[in-house]
């Protein structure tokens, strides 16, 4: 039976009338969440994780009983200040593009003799992975407030950017999702969480610039590899191997898009 025109008009008027109220409620909730984040930022729990990382950095450990103080993160052996703001980057000694975590893996192997293959078996927040998270927190804290400055001139960086862009838009999994499903359009939200458009400079600077971060909801510090791993999990994709090329490529894509933005890590997230 056809719907009477008067009823159609009433339904339309009701929906239109409710929209501003719903939007106002959502905006109020987001304002409250942002205010909560600002309060936490004064005592960001990541500071404790970073302090643990600094101790690990300076303590002789591993089969070689050495520190990580000669680790070259791209600005020279032992230089931590500003290093993560310029990662990922191409490293001549390994002949590949590396993000912060895979570069730390190289330093753990070469300087301390640590078998980093164990990271592929470890759970986030446990054992050697927890130590890696602490090291990441320490290093990224030393770039807070600096500008994202990823050097894209090397051909390998350009290749990884192209791979990262392809991965960003690739649809698959049981939900037929891609990274762009959530982060390929402005103005999107999920559970009142704003989703930055990572294709744009503004969105990428906000997204890339605020990770790694402390997750209030589960009381954990998440590295960028952990964040990307969880994105794949939510898309119902097979979760990537830790330190795999696809995660590095996505990082290159995001970092390059956000070049010139401000590093706000460690961030505070829901």
Protein backbone atom coordinates (compact mmCIF):
# COMPACT_ATOMS: atom_id res chain seq x y z
CA UNK A 1 0.00 0.00 0.00
CA UNK A 2 1.51 3.37 -0.93
CA UNK A 3 2.56 5.69 1.90
CA UNK A 4 0.32 8.80 2.13
CA UNK A 5 2.04 12.02 1.12
CA UNK A 6 1.17 13.66 4.46
CA UNK A 7 2.94 10.85 6.33
CA UNK A 8 6.01 11.18 4.06
CA UNK A 9 6.10 14.89 4.79
CA UNK A 10 5.77 14.32 8.54
CA UNK A 11 8.58 11.73 8.59
CA UNK A 12 10.88 13.98 6.55
CA UNK A 13 10.17 16.96 8.81
CA UNK A 14 10.85 14.85 11.91
CA UNK A 15 14.19 13.56 10.57
CA UNK A 16 15.30 17.00 9.46
CA UNK A 17 14.21 18.46 12.76
CA UNK A 18 16.12 15.85 14.76
CA UNK A 19 19.38 16.14 12.84
CA UNK A 20 20.64 19.37 14.47
CA UNK A 21 19.81 17.98 17.93
CA UNK A 22 21.70 14.75 17.25
CA UNK A 23 24.63 16.68 15.82
CA UNK A 24 24.67 18.99 18.85
CA UNK A 25 24.72 16.03 21.25
CA UNK A 26 27.54 14.37 19.32
CA UNK A 27 29.54 17.61 19.21
CA UNK A 28 29.09 18.05 22.97
CA UNK A 29 30.35 14.53 23.58
CA UNK A 30 33.40 15.13 21.37
CA UNK A 31 34.13 18.39 23.21
CA UNK A 32 33.99 16.49 26.49
CA UNK A 33 36.34 13.79 25.15
CA UNK A 34 38.80 16.42 23.92
CA UNK A 35 38.69 18.17 27.30
CA UNK A 36 39.39 14.83 28.99
CA UNK A 37 42.39 14.29 26.70
CA UNK A 38 43.76 17.73 27.57
CA UNK A 39 43.53 16.94 31.28
CA UNK A 40 45.35 13.64 30.78
CA UNK A 41 48.03 15.25 28.62
CA UNK A 42 49.47 17.02 31.66
CA UNK A 43 50.22 13.63 33.17
CA UNK A 44 50.38 11.44 30.08
CA UNK A 45 51.06 7.86 31.26
CA UNK A 46 53.37 7.54 28.24
CA UNK A 47 55.93 9.49 30.26
CA UNK A 48 56.38 6.48 32.53
CA UNK A 49 56.74 4.18 29.52
CA UNK A 50 59.29 6.57 27.97
CA UNK A 51 61.28 6.63 31.23
CA UNK A 52 61.46 2.83 31.11
CA UNK A 53 62.59 3.07 27.50
CA UNK A 54 65.36 5.52 28.33
CA UNK A 55 66.63 3.13 31.00
CA UNK A 56 66.60 0.25 28.51
CA UNK A 57 68.41 2.45 25.97
CA UNK A 58 71.26 3.23 28.37
CA UNK A 59 71.60 -0.15 30.12
CA UNK A 60 74.07 -2.77 28.79
CA UNK A 61 72.02 -5.80 27.78
CA UNK A 62 71.86 -8.81 25.47
CA UNK A 63 74.51 -11.37 24.50
CA UNK A 64 76.93 -8.52 23.67
CA UNK A 65 76.23 -6.72 26.97
CA UNK A 66 76.02 -3.38 25.19
CA UNK A 67 73.77 -0.34 25.34
CA UNK A 68 71.80 1.16 22.45
CA UNK A 69 73.53 4.51 22.81
CA UNK A 70 75.32 4.06 19.48
CA UNK A 71 72.11 3.19 17.62
CA UNK A 72 71.87 5.20 14.39
CA UNK A 73 68.26 6.24 13.82
CA UNK A 74 69.21 8.28 10.78
CA UNK A 75 70.85 11.34 12.28
CA UNK A 76 74.05 9.65 13.36
CA UNK A 77 75.05 7.14 16.08
CA UNK A 78 73.41 7.98 19.39
CA UNK A 79 71.34 10.92 18.14
CA UNK A 80 67.78 10.54 19.41
CA UNK A 81 66.56 14.13 19.47
CA UNK A 82 64.41 14.73 16.40
CA UNK A 83 65.11 11.30 14.89
CA UNK A 84 61.58 9.90 14.83
CA UNK A 85 60.27 13.06 13.17
CA UNK A 86 62.31 12.05 10.11
CA UNK A 87 61.28 8.39 9.99
CA UNK A 88 60.62 6.24 7.99
CA UNK A 89 63.73 6.67 5.84
CA UNK A 90 66.09 4.73 3.60
CA UNK A 91 69.17 3.30 5.39
CA UNK A 92 72.26 2.42 3.40
CA UNK A 93 73.56 -0.12 5.91
CA UNK A 94 70.46 -2.32 5.60
CA UNK A 95 69.64 -1.38 2.02
CA UNK A 96 65.98 -0.86 2.84
CA UNK A 97 63.41 1.62 4.05
CA UNK A 98 62.79 1.28 7.77
CA UNK A 99 60.35 2.77 10.24
CA UNK A 100 61.26 3.37 13.88
CA UNK A 101 60.45 -0.13 15.06
CA UNK A 102 62.30 -2.00 12.33
CA UNK A 103 65.28 0.32 12.78
CA UNK A 104 65.29 -0.44 16.51
CA UNK A 105 65.22 -4.13 15.59
CA UNK A 106 68.42 -3.60 13.57
CA UNK A 107 70.09 -1.89 16.54
CA UNK A 108 69.01 -4.61 18.94
CA UNK A 109 70.51 -7.21 16.61
CA UNK A 110 73.78 -5.49 15.71
CA UNK A 111 74.61 -3.73 18.97
CA UNK A 112 73.22 -6.10 21.61
CA UNK A 113 72.99 -9.40 19.75
CA UNK A 114 69.28 -9.77 20.53
CA UNK A 115 67.34 -12.28 18.43
CA UNK A 116 64.51 -10.05 17.20
CA UNK A 117 62.77 -12.96 15.46
CA UNK A 118 61.09 -13.43 18.83
CA UNK A 119 59.14 -10.21 18.13
CA UNK A 120 57.23 -12.03 15.40
CA UNK A 121 55.98 -14.49 18.00
CA UNK A 122 55.42 -12.04 20.85
CA UNK A 123 52.12 -10.47 21.82
CA UNK A 124 51.81 -6.71 22.06
CA UNK A 125 52.47 -5.57 25.60
CA UNK A 126 54.33 -8.75 26.56
CA UNK A 127 58.01 -9.72 26.95
CA UNK A 128 60.39 -8.39 24.31
CA UNK A 129 57.50 -6.57 22.62
CA UNK A 130 56.85 -4.59 25.81
CA UNK A 131 60.51 -3.57 25.83
CA UNK A 132 60.23 -2.45 22.21
CA UNK A 133 57.18 -0.36 23.09
CA UNK A 134 59.13 1.33 25.88
CA UNK A 135 62.03 2.11 23.53
CA UNK A 136 59.59 3.56 20.99
CA UNK A 137 57.99 5.75 23.67
CA UNK A 138 61.40 7.11 24.65
CA UNK A 139 62.48 7.88 21.09
CA UNK A 140 59.25 9.53 19.92
CA UNK A 141 59.10 11.69 23.05
CA UNK A 142 62.42 13.20 21.95
CA UNK A 143 60.77 14.56 18.78
CA UNK A 144 57.66 16.06 20.36
CA UNK A 145 56.95 19.54 19.04
CA UNK A 146 59.16 19.16 15.97
CA UNK A 147 58.02 19.11 12.35
CA UNK A 148 57.38 15.93 10.41
CA UNK A 149 60.25 15.89 7.93
CA UNK A 150 60.41 12.69 5.90
CA UNK A 151 62.93 12.75 3.05
CA UNK A 152 61.19 11.38 -0.05
CA UNK A 153 64.03 11.88 -2.55
CA UNK A 154 65.42 8.33 -2.54
CA UNK A 155 63.89 6.00 -5.18
CA UNK A 156 63.18 3.35 -2.55
CA UNK A 157 61.14 5.85 -0.55
CA UNK A 158 59.12 6.65 -3.67
CA UNK A 159 58.52 2.93 -4.26
CA UNK A 160 57.35 2.47 -0.68
CA UNK A 161 55.05 5.47 -0.96
CA UNK A 162 53.45 3.95 -4.05
CA UNK A 163 53.06 0.59 -2.28
CA UNK A 164 51.59 2.34 0.76
CA UNK A 165 49.08 4.22 -1.36
CA UNK A 166 48.03 0.97 -3.06
CA UNK A 167 47.65 -0.74 0.33
CA UNK A 168 45.65 2.21 1.67
CA UNK A 169 43.00 1.87 -1.04
CA UNK A 170 43.08 -1.94 -1.38
CA UNK A 171 39.74 -3.50 -0.47
CA UNK A 172 39.48 -7.03 0.85
CA UNK A 173 38.71 -9.23 3.81
CA UNK A 174 35.28 -10.50 4.80
CA UNK A 175 33.99 -6.93 5.13
CA UNK A 176 35.46 -5.72 1.81
CA UNK A 177 37.05 -2.80 3.67
CA UNK A 178 40.16 -0.75 2.97
CA UNK A 179 42.02 1.84 5.05
CA UNK A 180 40.18 4.42 2.94
CA UNK A 181 36.81 3.06 4.08
CA UNK A 182 37.32 4.86 7.39
CA UNK A 183 40.06 7.35 6.51
CA UNK A 184 39.31 8.34 2.91
CA UNK A 185 36.69 11.01 3.51
CA UNK A 186 36.40 14.04 5.78
CA UNK A 187 33.82 14.37 8.54
CA UNK A 188 33.56 10.68 9.44
CA UNK A 189 33.22 9.35 13.00
CA UNK A 190 32.99 5.99 14.69
CA UNK A 191 31.70 5.77 18.28
CA UNK A 192 32.15 9.57 18.49
CA UNK A 193 35.81 9.10 17.49
CA UNK A 194 36.74 11.51 14.71
CA UNK A 195 38.40 9.79 11.76
CA UNK A 196 40.98 11.96 9.99
CA UNK A 197 41.09 11.90 6.19
CA UNK A 198 44.58 10.47 5.80
CA UNK A 199 44.72 11.29 2.09
CA UNK A 200 45.05 14.98 2.95
CA UNK A 201 47.92 16.88 4.53
CA UNK A 202 45.79 18.08 7.43
CA UNK A 203 44.37 14.64 8.17
CA UNK A 204 47.69 12.82 7.80
CA UNK A 205 49.49 15.36 9.98
CA UNK A 206 46.86 14.89 12.69
CA UNK A 207 46.85 11.09 12.39
CA UNK A 208 50.52 10.33 11.85
CA UNK A 209 51.60 13.16 14.13
CA UNK A 210 49.72 11.83 17.16
CA UNK A 211 50.81 8.16 17.01
CA UNK A 212 52.32 6.29 18.85
CA UNK A 213 49.91 6.98 21.70
CA UNK A 214 48.60 5.89 25.06
CA UNK A 215 45.19 4.19 24.76
CA UNK A 216 43.04 5.21 27.72
CA UNK A 217 40.44 2.53 26.98
CA UNK A 218 42.83 -0.34 27.65
CA UNK A 219 45.62 1.35 29.59
CA UNK A 220 48.32 0.50 27.04
CA UNK A 221 50.95 2.34 25.04
CA UNK A 222 50.49 1.50 21.35
CA UNK A 223 53.25 1.79 18.76
CA UNK A 224 52.47 2.57 15.12
CA UNK A 225 52.96 -1.07 14.16
CA UNK A 226 50.38 -2.02 16.81
CA UNK A 227 47.97 0.62 15.49
CA UNK A 228 48.25 -0.65 11.91
CA UNK A 229 47.95 -4.25 13.06
CA UNK A 230 44.69 -3.42 14.80
CA UNK A 231 43.38 -1.59 11.73
CA UNK A 232 43.86 -4.77 9.71
CA UNK A 233 42.18 -6.79 12.44
CA UNK A 234 39.15 -4.50 12.40
CA UNK A 235 38.97 -4.82 8.60
CA UNK A 236 38.92 -8.62 9.07
CA UNK A 237 42.18 -8.92 7.14
CA UNK A 238 44.90 -11.35 8.22
CA UNK A 239 47.04 -9.42 10.68
CA UNK A 240 50.42 -8.45 9.18
CA UNK A 241 53.75 -9.83 10.31
CA UNK A 242 55.47 -7.44 12.70
CA UNK A 243 57.80 -5.13 10.77
CA UNK A 244 56.50 -6.25 7.37
CA UNK A 245 57.00 -4.12 4.27
CA UNK A 246 53.29 -3.32 3.95
CA UNK A 247 53.22 -1.68 7.39
CA UNK A 248 56.36 0.30 6.59
CA UNK A 249 54.88 1.33 3.23
CA UNK A 250 51.68 2.56 4.89
CA UNK A 251 53.81 4.53 7.34
CA UNK A 252 55.72 6.15 4.47
CA UNK A 253 52.43 7.08 2.78
CA UNK A 254 51.03 8.65 5.96
CA UNK A 255 54.24 10.39 6.99
CA UNK A 256 54.86 11.86 3.54
CA UNK A 257 51.27 13.13 3.35
CA UNK A 258 51.74 14.74 6.75
CA UNK A 259 55.12 16.32 5.99
CA UNK A 260 55.38 19.74 7.62
CA UNK A 261 52.88 18.91 10.35
CA UNK A 262 53.77 18.95 14.04
CA UNK A 263 54.85 15.85 15.95
CA UNK A 264 52.51 15.46 18.95
CA UNK A 265 53.69 12.05 20.11
CA UNK A 266 53.16 10.38 22.43
CA UNK A 267 49.47 11.13 21.95
CA UNK A 268 46.44 10.37 24.11
CA UNK A 269 43.70 8.31 22.49
CA UNK A 270 40.32 6.93 23.50
